């Protein structure tokens, strides 16, 4: 069939497309099933029901049109080498808050004070979305820090932003523990950490004592960025180890030399006092006995 169509001076690609469509329609009409379910067995095309009427002579098919079934085995979640087992008890949805606590703003509603327990439960953190829990956590941490929300001072703005970003970072950190492949939230987390580090650096420059108190209340530790960012290699690590070892040996030898010089000076002082007829202490007499004088 392919050679007959080529006699009409058709292009090779057009010939292949026409032959493919003709063969596919023939197979579908005979088998009554999709062409992807037809397989080649012993140079014969056999359908899913293995009926004699489904057989097609192999000489009708060109080598380019013989279809094969391709099976793709994707890694399942249980057998994937990238799967991680995250303990469920490590995830705290309420971020240390009481689940029975009312949402932000509802604690001031007088109708809820005497309401039924089920009604109060609906407006509690148990049925609140994550945004409401985060908002209440921000209010709590701002009260602990002592930030003035109405203040317009730049220092107060730094304190407020650092506290809010700390809540967001802790929330995203819990999310990344559960979903470590979430690239977009990972990028947001790294950006927030970089911004908070920059604001802490500015706050330390403006008010060092306030910055230290803020870090203590938030449970953070400021780590200054490295002065130089170099690529870590095996040779550099070996060189660093040798330099540290040599420095420690040099310091030990220096301490030993200082102790020896000091002991010699004390012995000379004790010998001079003995020559002058001065009273000697027990330590000085012991040094003289060691010296043999």
C-alpha atoms as a PDB file:
ATOM      1  CA  UNK A   1       0.000   0.000   0.000  1.00  0.00           C
ATOM      2  CA  UNK A   2       2.818   2.337   0.877  1.00  0.00           C
ATOM      3  CA  UNK A   3       4.612   1.701  -2.424  1.00  0.00           C
ATOM      4  CA  UNK A   4       1.407   2.203  -4.405  1.00  0.00           C
ATOM      5  CA  UNK A   5       0.799   5.611  -2.839  1.00  0.00           C
ATOM      6  CA  UNK A   6       4.409   6.647  -3.434  1.00  0.00           C
ATOM      7  CA  UNK A   7       3.852   6.183  -7.182  1.00  0.00           C
ATOM      8  CA  UNK A   8       1.578   9.241  -7.123  1.00  0.00           C
ATOM      9  CA  UNK A   9       4.584  11.388  -6.110  1.00  0.00           C
ATOM     10  CA  UNK A  10       3.295  12.114  -2.613  1.00  0.00           C
ATOM     11  CA  UNK A  11       5.718  13.213   0.041  1.00  0.00           C
ATOM     12  CA  UNK A  12       6.987  10.570   2.435  1.00  0.00           C
ATOM     13  CA  UNK A  13       5.358  12.126   5.523  1.00  0.00           C
ATOM     14  CA  UNK A  14       1.999  12.460   3.777  1.00  0.00           C
ATOM     15  CA  UNK A  15       2.189   8.826   2.646  1.00  0.00           C
ATOM     16  CA  UNK A  16       2.897   7.652   6.153  1.00  0.00           C
ATOM     17  CA  UNK A  17       0.028   9.668   7.609  1.00  0.00           C
ATOM     18  CA  UNK A  18      -2.412   8.324   5.027  1.00  0.00           C
ATOM     19  CA  UNK A  19      -1.307   4.722   5.545  1.00  0.00           C
ATOM     20  CA  UNK A  20      -1.480   5.137   9.309  1.00  0.00           C
ATOM     21  CA  UNK A  21      -5.044   6.460   9.166  1.00  0.00           C
ATOM     22  CA  UNK A  22      -6.148   3.714   6.753  1.00  0.00           C
ATOM     23  CA  UNK A  23      -4.658   0.935   8.869  1.00  0.00           C
ATOM     24  CA  UNK A  24      -6.082   2.395  12.075  1.00  0.00           C
ATOM     25  CA  UNK A  25      -9.599   2.620  10.630  1.00  0.00           C
ATOM     26  CA  UNK A  26      -9.321  -0.955   9.342  1.00  0.00           C
ATOM     27  CA  UNK A  27      -8.226  -2.296  12.705  1.00  0.00           C
ATOM     28  CA  UNK A  28     -10.937  -0.404  14.582  1.00  0.00           C
ATOM     29  CA  UNK A  29     -13.664  -1.550  12.209  1.00  0.00           C
ATOM     30  CA  UNK A  30     -12.615  -5.201  12.469  1.00  0.00           C
ATOM     31  CA  UNK A  31     -11.940  -5.323  16.181  1.00  0.00           C
ATOM     32  CA  UNK A  32     -14.561  -2.907  17.449  1.00  0.00           C
ATOM     33  CA  UNK A  33     -11.947  -1.643  19.909  1.00  0.00           C
ATOM     34  CA  UNK A  34      -9.388   1.193  20.029  1.00  0.00           C
ATOM     35  CA  UNK A  35      -6.253   0.677  18.002  1.00  0.00           C
ATOM     36  CA  UNK A  36      -4.094   0.979  21.100  1.00  0.00           C
ATOM     37  CA  UNK A  37      -5.511  -2.329  22.309  1.00  0.00           C
ATOM     38  CA  UNK A  38      -4.294  -4.207  19.195  1.00  0.00           C
ATOM     39  CA  UNK A  39      -0.965  -5.999  19.658  1.00  0.00           C
ATOM     40  CA  UNK A  40       1.395  -7.837  17.322  1.00  0.00           C
ATOM     41  CA  UNK A  41       1.720 -11.555  18.157  1.00  0.00           C
ATOM     42  CA  UNK A  42       3.706 -13.920  15.911  1.00  0.00           C
ATOM     43  CA  UNK A  43       3.653 -11.435  13.039  1.00  0.00           C
ATOM     44  CA  UNK A  44      -0.135 -11.185  13.348  1.00  0.00           C
ATOM     45  CA  UNK A  45      -2.248  -8.337  14.783  1.00  0.00           C
ATOM     46  CA  UNK A  46      -4.499  -9.730  17.524  1.00  0.00           C
ATOM     47  CA  UNK A  47      -7.291  -7.902  19.345  1.00  0.00           C
ATOM     48  CA  UNK A  48      -8.305  -8.162  23.009  1.00  0.00           C
ATOM     49  CA  UNK A  49     -10.816 -10.943  22.406  1.00  0.00           C
ATOM     50  CA  UNK A  50      -8.491 -13.063  20.212  1.00  0.00           C
ATOM     51  CA  UNK A  51     -11.205 -13.642  17.608  1.00  0.00           C
ATOM     52  CA  UNK A  52     -10.244 -14.934  14.162  1.00  0.00           C
ATOM     53  CA  UNK A  53     -11.933 -11.939  12.572  1.00  0.00           C
ATOM     54  CA  UNK A  54      -9.521  -9.599  14.311  1.00  0.00           C
ATOM     55  CA  UNK A  55      -6.428 -10.903  12.538  1.00  0.00           C
ATOM     56  CA  UNK A  56      -4.825  -8.697   9.934  1.00  0.00           C
ATOM     57  CA  UNK A  57      -2.109  -9.801   7.565  1.00  0.00           C
ATOM     58  CA  UNK A  58       1.273  -8.372   8.455  1.00  0.00           C
ATOM     59  CA  UNK A  59       2.133  -7.545   4.820  1.00  0.00           C
ATOM     60  CA  UNK A  60      -0.540  -4.807   4.894  1.00  0.00           C
ATOM     61  CA  UNK A  61       1.415  -2.873   7.532  1.00  0.00           C
ATOM     62  CA  UNK A  62       4.566  -0.919   6.891  1.00  0.00           C
ATOM     63  CA  UNK A  63       7.358  -1.072   9.501  1.00  0.00           C
ATOM     64  CA  UNK A  64       6.707   2.571  10.464  1.00  0.00           C
ATOM     65  CA  UNK A  65       3.058   1.857  11.333  1.00  0.00           C
ATOM     66  CA  UNK A  66       3.404  -1.177  13.582  1.00  0.00           C
ATOM     67  CA  UNK A  67       2.065  -0.149  16.950  1.00  0.00           C
ATOM     68  CA  UNK A  68       3.489  -1.353  20.226  1.00  0.00           C
ATOM     69  CA  UNK A  69       2.131  -0.978  23.736  1.00  0.00           C
ATOM     70  CA  UNK A  70       4.356   0.989  26.104  1.00  0.00           C
ATOM     71  CA  UNK A  71       3.891   0.498  29.851  1.00  0.00           C
ATOM     72  CA  UNK A  72       5.039   3.234  32.166  1.00  0.00           C
ATOM     73  CA  UNK A  73       5.688   2.302  35.753  1.00  0.00           C
ATOM     74  CA  UNK A  74       5.577   5.430  37.903  1.00  0.00           C
ATOM     75  CA  UNK A  75       6.972   5.376  41.428  1.00  0.00           C
ATOM     76  CA  UNK A  76       4.208   5.202  43.984  1.00  0.00           C
ATOM     77  CA  UNK A  77       4.190   7.273  47.142  1.00  0.00           C
ATOM     78  CA  UNK A  78       4.913   4.265  49.319  1.00  0.00           C
ATOM     79  CA  UNK A  79       7.880   2.993  47.297  1.00  0.00           C
ATOM     80  CA  UNK A  80       9.406   6.283  46.184  1.00  0.00           C
ATOM     81  CA  UNK A  81      12.900   6.942  47.477  1.00  0.00           C
ATOM     82  CA  UNK A  82      11.966  10.601  47.932  1.00  0.00           C
ATOM     83  CA  UNK A  83       9.024   9.882  50.227  1.00  0.00           C
ATOM     84  CA  UNK A  84       9.511  10.996  53.807  1.00  0.00           C
ATOM     85  CA  UNK A  85       7.700   9.803  56.864  1.00  0.00           C
ATOM     86  CA  UNK A  86       6.485  12.816  58.820  1.00  0.00           C
ATOM     87  CA  UNK A  87       5.156  12.239  62.288  1.00  0.00           C
ATOM     88  CA  UNK A  88       1.644  13.590  62.600  1.00  0.00           C
ATOM     89  CA  UNK A  89       2.109  14.600  66.209  1.00  0.00           C
ATOM     90  CA  UNK A  90       4.846  17.079  65.223  1.00  0.00           C
ATOM     91  CA  UNK A  91       2.309  19.214  63.339  1.00  0.00           C
ATOM     92  CA  UNK A  92       0.563  21.725  65.602  1.00  0.00           C
ATOM     93  CA  UNK A  93      -2.259  23.411  63.724  1.00  0.00           C
ATOM     94  CA  UNK A  94      -3.087  25.781  66.585  1.00  0.00           C
ATOM     95  CA  UNK A  95       0.548  26.881  67.110  1.00  0.00           C
ATOM     96  CA  UNK A  96       0.399  26.434  70.885  1.00  0.00           C
ATOM     97  CA  UNK A  97      -3.034  28.055  71.331  1.00  0.00           C
ATOM     98  CA  UNK A  98      -6.038  26.516  73.062  1.00  0.00           C
ATOM     99  CA  UNK A  99      -8.487  25.044  70.482  1.00  0.00           C
ATOM    100  CA  UNK A 100     -11.454  26.007  72.668  1.00  0.00           C
ATOM    101  CA  UNK A 101     -10.418  29.664  72.607  1.00  0.00           C
ATOM    102  CA  UNK A 102     -12.684  32.033  70.672  1.00  0.00           C
ATOM    103  CA  UNK A 103     -11.492  33.564  67.439  1.00  0.00           C
ATOM    104  CA  UNK A 104     -10.057  37.056  67.308  1.00  0.00           C
ATOM    105  CA  UNK A 105     -12.823  39.628  67.834  1.00  0.00           C
ATOM    106  CA  UNK A 106     -15.494  37.180  69.029  1.00  0.00           C
ATOM    107  CA  UNK A 107     -14.333  37.267  72.652  1.00  0.00           C
ATOM    108  CA  UNK A 108     -15.804  40.767  72.928  1.00  0.00           C
ATOM    109  CA  UNK A 109     -19.277  39.735  71.711  1.00  0.00           C
ATOM    110  CA  UNK A 110     -21.620  39.692  74.756  1.00  0.00           C
ATOM    111  CA  UNK A 111     -24.036  37.205  73.185  1.00  0.00           C
ATOM    112  CA  UNK A 112     -21.351  34.511  73.083  1.00  0.00           C
ATOM    113  CA  UNK A 113     -20.574  34.803  76.793  1.00  0.00           C
ATOM    114  CA  UNK A 114     -23.843  33.076  77.792  1.00  0.00           C
ATOM    115  CA  UNK A 115     -24.297  31.061  74.596  1.00  0.00           C
ATOM    116  CA  UNK A 116     -24.549  27.296  74.341  1.00  0.00           C
ATOM    117  CA  UNK A 117     -21.376  25.242  74.351  1.00  0.00           C
ATOM    118  CA  UNK A 118     -21.939  24.058  70.774  1.00  0.00           C
ATOM    119  CA  UNK A 119     -22.413  27.649  69.606  1.00  0.00           C
ATOM    120  CA  UNK A 120     -19.186  28.737  71.286  1.00  0.00           C
ATOM    121  CA  UNK A 121     -17.448  25.764  69.743  1.00  0.00           C
ATOM    122  CA  UNK A 122     -18.436  26.930  66.249  1.00  0.00           C
ATOM    123  CA  UNK A 123     -16.721  30.290  66.864  1.00  0.00           C
ATOM    124  CA  UNK A 124     -13.668  28.709  68.498  1.00  0.00           C
ATOM    125  CA  UNK A 125     -10.290  27.957  66.927  1.00  0.00           C
ATOM    126  CA  UNK A 126     -11.344  24.362  66.339  1.00  0.00           C
ATOM    127  CA  UNK A 127     -13.488  25.448  63.376  1.00  0.00           C
ATOM    128  CA  UNK A 128     -11.387  28.473  62.407  1.00  0.00           C
ATOM    129  CA  UNK A 129      -9.336  28.620  59.189  1.00  0.00           C
ATOM    130  CA  UNK A 130      -5.586  28.892  59.287  1.00  0.00           C
ATOM    131  CA  UNK A 131      -5.667  32.635  58.616  1.00  0.00           C
ATOM    132  CA  UNK A 132      -7.691  33.295  61.778  1.00  0.00           C
ATOM    133  CA  UNK A 133      -5.338  31.172  63.868  1.00  0.00           C
ATOM    134  CA  UNK A 134      -2.377  33.052  62.439  1.00  0.00           C
ATOM    135  CA  UNK A 135      -4.060  36.403  63.163  1.00  0.00           C
ATOM    136  CA  UNK A 136      -4.688  35.454  66.800  1.00  0.00           C
ATOM    137  CA  UNK A 137      -1.103  34.240  67.129  1.00  0.00           C
ATOM    138  CA  UNK A 138       0.145  37.583  65.788  1.00  0.00           C
ATOM    139  CA  UNK A 139      -1.949  39.466  68.357  1.00  0.00           C
ATOM    140  CA  UNK A 140      -0.602  37.269  71.145  1.00  0.00           C
ATOM    141  CA  UNK A 141       3.036  37.639  70.144  1.00  0.00           C
ATOM    142  CA  UNK A 142       2.711  41.414  69.682  1.00  0.00           C
ATOM    143  CA  UNK A 143       1.366  41.671  73.227  1.00  0.00           C
ATOM    144  CA  UNK A 144       4.292  39.637  74.534  1.00  0.00           C
ATOM    145  CA  UNK A 145       6.787  41.789  72.671  1.00  0.00           C
ATOM    146  CA  UNK A 146       5.077  44.998  73.752  1.00  0.00           C
ATOM    147  CA  UNK A 147       4.813  46.558  70.307  1.00  0.00           C
ATOM    148  CA  UNK A 148       2.689  49.670  69.904  1.00  0.00           C
ATOM    149  CA  UNK A 149       0.388  49.158  66.915  1.00  0.00           C
ATOM    150  CA  UNK A 150      -0.562  52.847  66.878  1.00  0.00           C
ATOM    151  CA  UNK A 151       3.029  54.054  66.966  1.00  0.00           C
ATOM    152  CA  UNK A 152       4.570  55.634  63.889  1.00  0.00           C
ATOM    153  CA  UNK A 153       8.187  55.332  65.007  1.00  0.00           C
ATOM    154  CA  UNK A 154      10.477  53.405  62.651  1.00  0.00           C
ATOM    155  CA  UNK A 155      11.879  51.350  65.527  1.00  0.00           C
ATOM    156  CA  UNK A 156       8.373  50.274  66.510  1.00  0.00           C
ATOM    157  CA  UNK A 157       7.722  49.375  62.877  1.00  0.00           C
ATOM    158  CA  UNK A 158      10.800  47.141  62.870  1.00  0.00           C
ATOM    159  CA  UNK A 159       9.693  45.363  66.049  1.00  0.00           C
ATOM    160  CA  UNK A 160       6.172  44.808  64.701  1.00  0.00           C
ATOM    161  CA  UNK A 161       7.353  43.441  61.359  1.00  0.00           C
ATOM    162  CA  UNK A 162       9.897  41.107  62.944  1.00  0.00           C
ATOM    163  CA  UNK A 163       7.222  39.677  65.256  1.00  0.00           C
ATOM    164  CA  UNK A 164       4.698  39.197  62.424  1.00  0.00           C
ATOM    165  CA  UNK A 165       7.260  37.606  60.132  1.00  0.00           C
ATOM    166  CA  UNK A 166       8.251  35.230  62.927  1.00  0.00           C
ATOM    167  CA  UNK A 167       4.668  33.930  63.085  1.00  0.00           C
ATOM    168  CA  UNK A 168       4.552  33.514  59.296  1.00  0.00           C
ATOM    169  CA  UNK A 169       7.917  31.739  59.235  1.00  0.00           C
ATOM    170  CA  UNK A 170       6.864  29.258  61.906  1.00  0.00           C
ATOM    171  CA  UNK A 171       3.598  28.601  60.079  1.00  0.00           C
ATOM    172  CA  UNK A 172       5.378  27.985  56.769  1.00  0.00           C
ATOM    173  CA  UNK A 173       8.017  25.830  58.471  1.00  0.00           C
ATOM    174  CA  UNK A 174       5.294  23.465  59.698  1.00  0.00           C
ATOM    175  CA  UNK A 175       3.827  23.389  56.197  1.00  0.00           C
ATOM    176  CA  UNK A 176       7.203  22.543  54.650  1.00  0.00           C
ATOM    177  CA  UNK A 177       7.656  19.649  57.070  1.00  0.00           C
ATOM    178  CA  UNK A 178       4.465  18.112  55.747  1.00  0.00           C
ATOM    179  CA  UNK A 179       4.998  19.036  52.091  1.00  0.00           C
ATOM    180  CA  UNK A 180       8.756  19.282  51.417  1.00  0.00           C
ATOM    181  CA  UNK A 181       8.272  19.524  47.626  1.00  0.00           C
ATOM    182  CA  UNK A 182       6.209  22.713  47.741  1.00  0.00           C
ATOM    183  CA  UNK A 183       8.616  24.995  45.881  1.00  0.00           C
ATOM    184  CA  UNK A 184       6.499  28.165  45.919  1.00  0.00           C
ATOM    185  CA  UNK A 185       6.012  28.180  49.697  1.00  0.00           C
ATOM    186  CA  UNK A 186       9.663  27.272  50.168  1.00  0.00           C
ATOM    187  CA  UNK A 187      10.611  30.363  48.185  1.00  0.00           C
ATOM    188  CA  UNK A 188       8.278  32.502  50.333  1.00  0.00           C
ATOM    189  CA  UNK A 189       9.816  31.029  53.478  1.00  0.00           C
ATOM    190  CA  UNK A 190      13.366  31.853  52.380  1.00  0.00           C
ATOM    191  CA  UNK A 191      12.349  35.396  51.406  1.00  0.00           C
ATOM    192  CA  UNK A 192      10.727  36.003  54.805  1.00  0.00           C
ATOM    193  CA  UNK A 193      13.795  34.684  56.622  1.00  0.00           C
ATOM    194  CA  UNK A 194      16.068  36.995  54.614  1.00  0.00           C
ATOM    195  CA  UNK A 195      13.836  40.023  55.277  1.00  0.00           C
ATOM    196  CA  UNK A 196      13.630  39.289  58.990  1.00  0.00           C
ATOM    197  CA  UNK A 197      17.414  38.931  59.192  1.00  0.00           C
ATOM    198  CA  UNK A 198      17.817  42.309  57.479  1.00  0.00           C
ATOM    199  CA  UNK A 199      15.359  44.027  59.831  1.00  0.00           C
ATOM    200  CA  UNK A 200      17.063  42.500  62.882  1.00  0.00           C
ATOM    201  CA  UNK A 201      20.380  43.837  61.598  1.00  0.00           C
ATOM    202  CA  UNK A 202      18.899  47.338  61.240  1.00  0.00           C
ATOM    203  CA  UNK A 203      17.275  47.155  64.688  1.00  0.00           C
ATOM    204  CA  UNK A 204      20.563  46.101  66.296  1.00  0.00           C
ATOM    205  CA  UNK A 205      22.201  49.109  64.718  1.00  0.00           C
ATOM    206  CA  UNK A 206      19.513  51.512  66.016  1.00  0.00           C
ATOM    207  CA  UNK A 207      18.802  50.013  69.454  1.00  0.00           C
ATOM    208  CA  UNK A 208      21.018  47.124  70.494  1.00  0.00           C
ATOM    209  CA  UNK A 209      19.367  46.451  73.875  1.00  0.00           C
ATOM    210  CA  UNK A 210      15.864  46.458  72.401  1.00  0.00           C
ATOM    211  CA  UNK A 211      16.941  44.034  69.694  1.00  0.00           C
ATOM    212  CA  UNK A 212      18.395  41.613  72.264  1.00  0.00           C
ATOM    213  CA  UNK A 213      15.224  41.758  74.380  1.00  0.00           C
ATOM    214  CA  UNK A 214      13.105  41.134  71.295  1.00  0.00           C
ATOM    215  CA  UNK A 215      15.179  38.120  70.277  1.00  0.00           C
ATOM    216  CA  UNK A 216      14.903  36.676  73.792  1.00  0.00           C
ATOM    217  CA  UNK A 217      11.107  37.017  73.797  1.00  0.00           C
ATOM    218  CA  UNK A 218      10.793  35.480  70.340  1.00  0.00           C
ATOM    219  CA  UNK A 219      13.214  32.677  71.150  1.00  0.00           C
ATOM    220  CA  UNK A 220      15.587  33.614  68.324  1.00  0.00           C
ATOM    221  CA  UNK A 221      19.356  33.825  68.054  1.00  0.00           C
ATOM    222  CA  UNK A 222      20.954  36.320  65.715  1.00  0.00           C
ATOM    223  CA  UNK A 223      23.729  34.845  63.591  1.00  0.00           C
ATOM    224  CA  UNK A 224      25.660  37.431  61.572  1.00  0.00           C
ATOM    225  CA  UNK A 225      26.312  36.579  57.937  1.00  0.00           C
ATOM    226  CA  UNK A 226      29.776  35.256  57.073  1.00  0.00           C
ATOM    227  CA  UNK A 227      32.352  37.815  56.016  1.00  0.00           C
ATOM    228  CA  UNK A 228      33.392  35.746  53.023  1.00  0.00           C
ATOM    229  CA  UNK A 229      31.371  33.206  51.061  1.00  0.00           C
ATOM    230  CA  UNK A 230      33.720  30.635  49.624  1.00  0.00           C
ATOM    231  CA  UNK A 231      33.137  27.313  47.990  1.00  0.00           C
ATOM    232  CA  UNK A 232      33.742  24.430  50.377  1.00  0.00           C
ATOM    233  CA  UNK A 233      36.150  21.853  48.947  1.00  0.00           C
ATOM    234  CA  UNK A 234      37.982  18.877  50.392  1.00  0.00           C
ATOM    235  CA  UNK A 235      41.315  20.659  50.159  1.00  0.00           C
ATOM    236  CA  UNK A 236      39.994  23.714  51.985  1.00  0.00           C
ATOM    237  CA  UNK A 237      38.568  21.546  54.783  1.00  0.00           C
ATOM    238  CA  UNK A 238      41.862  19.669  55.153  1.00  0.00           C
ATOM    239  CA  UNK A 239      43.795  22.932  55.191  1.00  0.00           C
ATOM    240  CA  UNK A 240      41.465  24.411  57.809  1.00  0.00           C
ATOM    241  CA  UNK A 241      41.872  21.328  60.010  1.00  0.00           C
ATOM    242  CA  UNK A 242      45.672  21.459  59.768  1.00  0.00           C
ATOM    243  CA  UNK A 243      45.738  25.188  60.565  1.00  0.00           C
ATOM    244  CA  UNK A 244      43.538  24.732  63.647  1.00  0.00           C
ATOM    245  CA  UNK A 245      45.638  21.800  64.868  1.00  0.00           C
ATOM    246  CA  UNK A 246      48.866  23.763  64.375  1.00  0.00           C
ATOM    247  CA  UNK A 247      47.402  26.755  66.239  1.00  0.00           C
ATOM    248  CA  UNK A 248      46.401  24.583  69.208  1.00  0.00           C
ATOM    249  CA  UNK A 249      49.850  22.962  69.351  1.00  0.00           C
ATOM    250  CA  UNK A 250      51.520  26.375  69.157  1.00  0.00           C
ATOM    251  CA  UNK A 251      49.358  27.719  71.990  1.00  0.00           C
ATOM    252  CA  UNK A 252      50.110  24.654  74.143  1.00  0.00           C
ATOM    253  CA  UNK A 253      53.869  25.043  73.547  1.00  0.00           C
ATOM    254  CA  UNK A 254      53.655  28.764  74.356  1.00  0.00           C
ATOM    255  CA  UNK A 255      51.839  28.104  77.648  1.00  0.00           C
ATOM    256  CA  UNK A 256      54.431  25.487  78.585  1.00  0.00           C
ATOM    257  CA  UNK A 257      57.293  27.907  77.804  1.00  0.00           C
ATOM    258  CA  UNK A 258      55.717  30.681  79.901  1.00  0.00           C
ATOM    259  CA  UNK A 259      55.249  28.346  82.865  1.00  0.00           C
ATOM    260  CA  UNK A 260      58.878  27.195  82.632  1.00  0.00           C
ATOM    261  CA  UNK A 261      60.224  30.766  82.460  1.00  0.00           C
ATOM    262  CA  UNK A 262      58.069  31.818  85.410  1.00  0.00           C
ATOM    263  CA  UNK A 263      59.311  28.887  87.498  1.00  0.00           C
ATOM    264  CA  UNK A 264      62.947  29.731  86.690  1.00  0.00           C
ATOM    265  CA  UNK A 265      62.395  33.353  87.704  1.00  0.00           C
ATOM    266  CA  UNK A 266      60.859  32.294  91.020  1.00  0.00           C
ATOM    267  CA  UNK A 267      63.829  30.000  91.699  1.00  0.00           C
ATOM    268  CA  UNK A 268      66.261  32.852  91.016  1.00  0.00           C
ATOM    269  CA  UNK A 269      64.318  35.117  93.373  1.00  0.00           C
ATOM    270  CA  UNK A 270      64.394  32.458  96.108  1.00  0.00           C
ATOM    271  CA  UNK A 271      68.169  31.965  95.674  1.00  0.00           C
ATOM    272  CA  UNK A 272      68.771  35.723  95.852  1.00  0.00           C
ATOM    273  CA  UNK A 273      66.714  36.052  99.039  1.00  0.00           C
ATOM    274  CA  UNK A 274      68.705  33.201 100.610  1.00  0.00           C
ATOM    275  CA  UNK A 275      71.989  34.938  99.795  1.00  0.00           C
ATOM    276  CA  UNK A 276      70.734  38.170 101.338  1.00  0.00           C
ATOM    277  CA  UNK A 277      69.618  36.337 104.489  1.00  0.00           C
ATOM    278  CA  UNK A 278      65.944  37.130 104.084  1.00  0.00           C
ATOM    279  CA  UNK A 279      63.141  34.912 105.358  1.00  0.00           C
ATOM    280  CA  UNK A 280      61.929  32.302 102.877  1.00  0.00           C
ATOM    281  CA  UNK A 281      58.468  30.865 102.483  1.00  0.00           C
ATOM    282  CA  UNK A 282      57.751  27.161 102.274  1.00  0.00           C
ATOM    283  CA  UNK A 283      57.172  27.395  98.517  1.00  0.00           C
ATOM    284  CA  UNK A 284      60.510  29.147  98.016  1.00  0.00           C
ATOM    285  CA  UNK A 285      62.290  26.572 100.167  1.00  0.00           C
ATOM    286  CA  UNK A 286      60.705  23.803  98.122  1.00  0.00           C
ATOM    287  CA  UNK A 287      61.961  25.418  94.918  1.00  0.00           C
ATOM    288  CA  UNK A 288      65.460  25.634  96.356  1.00  0.00           C
ATOM    289  CA  UNK A 289      65.395  21.955  97.311  1.00  0.00           C
ATOM    290  CA  UNK A 290      64.304  21.085  93.780  1.00  0.00           C
ATOM    291  CA  UNK A 291      67.137  23.224  92.426  1.00  0.00           C
ATOM    292  CA  UNK A 292      69.631  21.503  94.771  1.00  0.00           C
ATOM    293  CA  UNK A 293      70.992  24.685  96.289  1.00  0.00           C
END
